[in-house]
Amino acid sequence: MFTQKVVAVVLIAVGVVVLAYSGIVFRTPGKPLDLGPVHIATTRRHFIPPVAGAVALVGGIVLLLLPGIGRRAS
């Protein structure tokens, strides 16, 4: 139950941040180019759209409101 609430709060926080910034852009290292003695480093650009933030936010809220998942009936 505690883990479920932690995941829900993290999803809500991530969703709010993505929506507040109208999407998030981040870069990762790409494949370097070697042209003779010249070495060119490249980066790849990734974009997380606001729709993903909205989905995370709604999913976190639903997860927070649901009773404990995985509880055994005794």
Protein backbone atom coordinates (compact mmCIF):
# COMPACT_ATOMS: atom_id res chain seq x y z
CA MET A 1 0.00 0.00 0.00
CA PHE A 2 2.83 2.37 0.86
CA THR A 3 4.58 1.65 -2.45
CA GLN A 4 1.37 2.39 -4.34
CA LYS A 5 1.09 5.81 -2.71
CA VAL A 6 4.74 6.63 -3.44
CA VAL A 7 4.31 5.70 -7.12
CA ALA A 8 1.11 7.77 -7.27
CA VAL A 9 2.80 10.85 -5.79
CA VAL A 10 5.78 10.49 -8.18
CA LEU A 11 3.42 10.21 -11.17
CA ILE A 12 1.51 13.29 -10.05
CA ALA A 13 4.72 15.28 -9.57
CA VAL A 14 6.12 14.27 -12.96
CA GLY A 15 2.80 15.04 -14.64
CA VAL A 16 2.63 18.51 -13.09
CA VAL A 17 6.22 19.32 -14.11
CA VAL A 18 5.72 18.18 -17.70
CA LEU A 19 2.48 20.17 -17.98
CA ALA A 20 4.02 23.26 -16.35
CA TYR A 21 6.84 23.35 -18.90
CA SER A 22 4.56 22.45 -21.85
CA GLY A 23 6.66 19.38 -22.49
CA ILE A 24 10.25 18.57 -21.63
CA VAL A 25 13.21 18.39 -24.00
CA PHE A 26 16.34 16.46 -23.06
CA ARG A 27 19.42 15.36 -24.96
CA THR A 28 21.41 12.14 -24.93
CA PRO A 29 24.78 11.38 -26.49
CA GLY A 30 24.53 10.12 -30.05
CA LYS A 31 26.89 8.18 -32.25
CA PRO A 32 30.17 10.09 -32.71
CA LEU A 33 31.46 10.79 -36.22
CA ASP A 34 35.13 10.23 -37.05
CA LEU A 35 36.18 11.95 -40.26
CA GLY A 36 39.91 11.33 -40.44
CA PRO A 37 41.57 13.37 -37.70
CA VAL A 38 38.32 15.18 -36.89
CA HIS A 39 36.09 13.79 -34.14
CA ILE A 40 32.54 15.15 -34.05
CA ALA A 41 30.32 14.43 -31.05
CA THR A 42 26.59 14.27 -31.72
CA THR A 43 23.53 14.45 -29.50
CA ARG A 44 20.02 13.15 -29.90
CA ARG A 45 17.09 15.37 -28.92
CA HIS A 46 14.11 13.79 -27.16
CA PHE A 47 10.76 15.43 -26.39
CA ILE A 48 8.19 14.39 -23.78
CA PRO A 49 4.88 15.92 -24.91
CA PRO A 50 2.37 17.52 -22.55
CA VAL A 51 -0.09 14.70 -23.29
CA ALA A 52 2.27 12.28 -21.52
CA GLY A 53 2.27 14.63 -18.52
CA ALA A 54 -1.53 14.68 -18.48
CA VAL A 55 -1.66 10.88 -18.65
CA ALA A 56 0.85 10.61 -15.78
CA LEU A 57 -1.12 13.11 -13.71
CA VAL A 58 -4.45 11.35 -14.22
CA GLY A 59 -2.86 7.94 -13.64
CA GLY A 60 -1.30 9.15 -10.40
CA ILE A 61 -4.58 10.57 -9.15
CA VAL A 62 -6.46 7.36 -10.00
CA LEU A 63 -3.76 5.26 -8.34
CA LEU A 64 -3.91 7.45 -5.25
CA LEU A 65 -7.70 7.12 -4.96
CA LEU A 66 -7.84 3.34 -5.51
CA PRO A 67 -7.76 1.01 -2.53
CA GLY A 68 -4.61 -1.08 -2.14
CA ILE A 69 -3.89 -3.22 -5.20
CA GLY A 70 -2.60 -6.71 -4.60
CA ARG A 71 -4.03 -7.12 -1.11
CA ARG A 72 -4.96 -10.65 -0.20
CA ALA A 73 -8.47 -11.25 1.01
CA SER A 74 -8.33 -12.87 4.42
